[in-house]
Amino acid sequence: MHAVLDKGSRFRFCARGRSMVPFIRDGDTVTIAPLTSRLPGLGEVVAFSYPPELGSRLVVHRVVGRRRSGFIVRGDGNGSTSEMVSSENMLGRVARVERDGRCVRLGLGPERWLIAWLSRSRVLWSFVWPVWRAIRQIFKLSSRLVNP
C-alpha cells in the first residue's frame, strides 16, 4: 500500500473491524487517496499505520483534533480513547466507501466536522449511537410488518 500511495495512486481494500461503524462497516470496500500537499483536516477519515514496534497494522479512524506532535484520531463506533498519530505514520485519506456495490457518502461530507466534534466530546458514543440503533431497529421491525 505504501508503494501504491507513494506513486500518487489510490489504494482499495476490504475493511475489517467495527471501529468505524456505522460509517464504515466490516466488509465495506474503502478507497484511500494519497496525502498530497494538504494535511488531513478535522473530521476527515484517514488511514495510518502503527510503528513497527506496535505491530505495523493499518487503521482507519477519524481526525478529531490536531496537535504539533500529530493528529488526534478516534474510531466513530468503538468508544475507545483517542490516539495520537504522527504525520509520518499517516498514509492517506478515505476518498470513497462502497457497500453492496453502492457508494456511501454519509460521514465523508460536510457532516464530518459535526461527527468529529461529537466523537471528541464523547457524545457520539454515549448518546447518538444508542438512539441511532433504536431508530434502525424500529425501521427494520416496521418493514417486516409491512412485507412479511
Protein backbone atom coordinates (compact mmCIF):
# COMPACT_ATOMS: atom_id res chain seq x y z
CA MET A 1 0.00 0.00 0.00
CA HIS A 2 2.84 2.39 0.77
CA ALA A 3 4.29 1.93 -2.71
CA VAL A 4 0.93 2.49 -4.43
CA LEU A 5 0.20 5.67 -2.46
CA ASP A 6 3.76 6.95 -2.89
CA LYS A 7 3.23 6.81 -6.67
CA GLY A 8 0.14 9.01 -6.31
CA SER A 9 -2.34 6.21 -7.00
CA ARG A 10 -5.34 5.22 -4.91
CA PHE A 11 -5.48 2.01 -2.92
CA ARG A 12 -8.64 -0.10 -2.35
CA PHE A 13 -9.16 -2.73 0.32
CA CYS A 14 -11.89 -4.55 2.18
CA ALA A 15 -12.41 -3.09 5.65
CA ARG A 16 -12.23 -5.44 8.61
CA GLY A 17 -13.46 -4.49 12.06
CA ARG A 18 -16.16 -2.41 13.67
CA SER A 19 -14.34 0.66 14.97
CA MET A 20 -15.89 2.99 12.35
CA VAL A 21 -19.48 1.64 12.39
CA PRO A 22 -21.91 2.86 11.08
CA PHE A 23 -19.96 4.95 8.55
CA ILE A 24 -17.57 2.18 7.56
CA ARG A 25 -18.74 -1.36 8.23
CA ASP A 26 -16.95 -4.67 8.24
CA GLY A 27 -16.76 -5.80 4.61
CA ASP A 28 -17.09 -2.35 3.00
CA THR A 29 -14.66 -1.51 0.21
CA VAL A 30 -12.58 1.51 1.18
CA THR A 31 -10.55 3.62 -1.24
CA ILE A 32 -7.58 5.51 0.21
CA ALA A 33 -6.25 8.54 -1.67
CA PRO A 34 -2.65 9.62 -1.09
CA LEU A 35 -1.95 12.65 1.04
CA THR A 36 -0.83 15.41 -1.24
CA SER A 37 0.42 18.77 -0.07
CA ARG A 38 -2.60 19.22 2.21
CA LEU A 39 -2.58 17.52 5.58
CA PRO A 40 -5.79 15.88 6.80
CA GLY A 41 -8.32 18.22 8.37
CA LEU A 42 -10.76 17.93 11.22
CA GLY A 43 -13.38 15.27 10.55
CA GLU A 44 -11.57 13.58 7.69
CA VAL A 45 -11.27 9.81 7.84
CA VAL A 46 -7.65 8.77 7.44
CA ALA A 47 -5.58 5.63 7.08
CA PHE A 48 -2.46 5.29 9.18
CA SER A 49 -0.12 2.58 10.30
CA TYR A 50 1.25 1.87 13.72
CA PRO A 51 5.03 1.92 14.02
CA PRO A 52 6.75 -1.49 13.65
CA GLU A 53 7.24 -1.79 17.42
CA LEU A 54 3.42 -1.66 17.80
CA GLY A 55 2.67 -4.18 15.08
CA SER A 56 2.63 -2.14 11.81
CA ARG A 57 -1.10 -2.64 11.24
CA LEU A 58 -3.34 -0.49 9.05
CA VAL A 59 -6.02 1.52 10.87
CA VAL A 60 -8.77 3.79 9.53
CA HIS A 61 -10.12 6.38 12.00
CA ARG A 62 -11.46 9.95 12.03
CA VAL A 63 -9.33 13.02 12.80
CA VAL A 64 -10.89 14.66 15.87
CA GLY A 65 -8.09 17.11 16.64
CA ARG A 66 -4.62 18.31 15.82
CA ARG A 67 -1.52 18.98 17.90
CA ARG A 68 2.01 19.93 16.99
CA SER A 69 3.09 16.35 17.53
CA GLY A 70 0.46 14.97 15.14
CA PHE A 71 -3.21 14.15 14.76
CA ILE A 72 -5.73 13.05 17.34
CA VAL A 73 -7.79 10.20 15.86
CA ARG A 74 -10.66 8.09 17.12
CA GLY A 75 -12.90 5.36 15.76
CA ASP A 76 -16.50 6.51 15.37
CA GLY A 77 -18.07 3.29 16.57
CA ASN A 78 -15.92 1.89 19.31
CA GLY A 79 -15.99 4.44 22.12
CA SER A 80 -12.26 3.98 22.62
CA THR A 81 -9.89 6.63 23.76
CA SER A 82 -8.35 8.98 21.24
CA GLU A 83 -4.92 8.21 19.86
CA MET A 84 -2.11 10.50 18.78
CA VAL A 85 -0.72 9.68 15.32
CA SER A 86 2.37 11.37 13.93
CA SER A 87 2.41 12.78 10.41
CA GLU A 88 5.00 10.17 9.44
CA ASN A 89 2.50 7.38 10.12
CA MET A 90 -0.29 8.95 8.05
CA LEU A 91 -0.84 7.08 4.79
CA GLY A 92 -3.82 8.77 3.16
CA ARG A 93 -7.41 9.89 3.44
CA VAL A 94 -10.55 7.88 2.78
CA ALA A 95 -11.86 9.04 -0.58
CA ARG A 96 -14.67 6.53 -1.06
CA VAL A 97 -16.60 3.86 0.77
CA GLU A 98 -18.65 1.25 -1.09
CA ARG A 99 -21.23 -1.05 0.45
CA ASP A 100 -23.03 -3.70 -1.59
CA GLY A 101 -21.79 -2.06 -4.79
CA ARG A 102 -23.10 1.41 -3.88
CA CYS A 103 -21.17 4.49 -2.80
CA VAL A 104 -21.70 5.50 0.84
CA ARG A 105 -21.33 9.23 1.35
CA LEU A 106 -22.56 9.68 4.93
CA GLY A 107 -19.69 10.62 7.22
CA LEU A 108 -17.37 11.88 4.47
CA GLY A 109 -19.20 15.10 3.51
CA PRO A 110 -19.68 18.36 5.42
CA GLU A 111 -21.22 16.44 8.34
CA ARG A 112 -17.74 15.13 9.14
CA TRP A 113 -16.98 18.21 11.29
CA LEU A 114 -20.02 17.58 13.47
CA ILE A 115 -19.18 13.89 13.74
CA ALA A 116 -15.61 14.74 14.78
CA TRP A 117 -16.83 17.15 17.44
CA LEU A 118 -19.41 14.68 18.76
CA SER A 119 -16.80 11.93 18.80
CA ARG A 120 -14.20 14.02 20.62
CA SER A 121 -16.73 15.17 23.20
CA ARG A 122 -17.82 11.51 23.68
CA VAL A 123 -21.43 12.41 22.88
CA LEU A 124 -21.30 10.27 19.74
CA TRP A 125 -20.63 7.05 21.60
CA SER A 126 -22.69 7.63 24.72
CA PHE A 127 -25.85 9.17 23.25
CA VAL A 128 -26.07 9.35 19.47
CA TRP A 129 -25.28 5.70 18.64
CA PRO A 130 -27.81 4.19 21.08
CA VAL A 131 -30.52 6.47 19.63
CA TRP A 132 -29.43 5.60 16.06
CA ARG A 133 -29.55 1.88 16.82
CA ALA A 134 -33.04 2.18 18.33
CA ILE A 135 -34.34 4.06 15.27
CA ARG A 136 -32.84 1.45 12.93
CA GLN A 137 -34.50 -1.36 14.89
CA ILE A 138 -37.87 0.39 14.63
CA PHE A 139 -37.50 0.73 10.84
CA LYS A 140 -36.43 -2.92 10.49
CA LEU A 141 -39.41 -4.05 12.54
CA SER A 142 -41.87 -1.87 10.61
CA SER A 143 -40.55 -3.15 7.25
CA ARG A 144 -41.04 -6.75 8.43
CA LEU A 145 -44.62 -5.99 9.41
CA VAL A 146 -45.37 -4.36 6.04
CA ASN A 147 -43.56 -7.00 3.95
CA PRO A 148 -43.88 -10.31 5.85
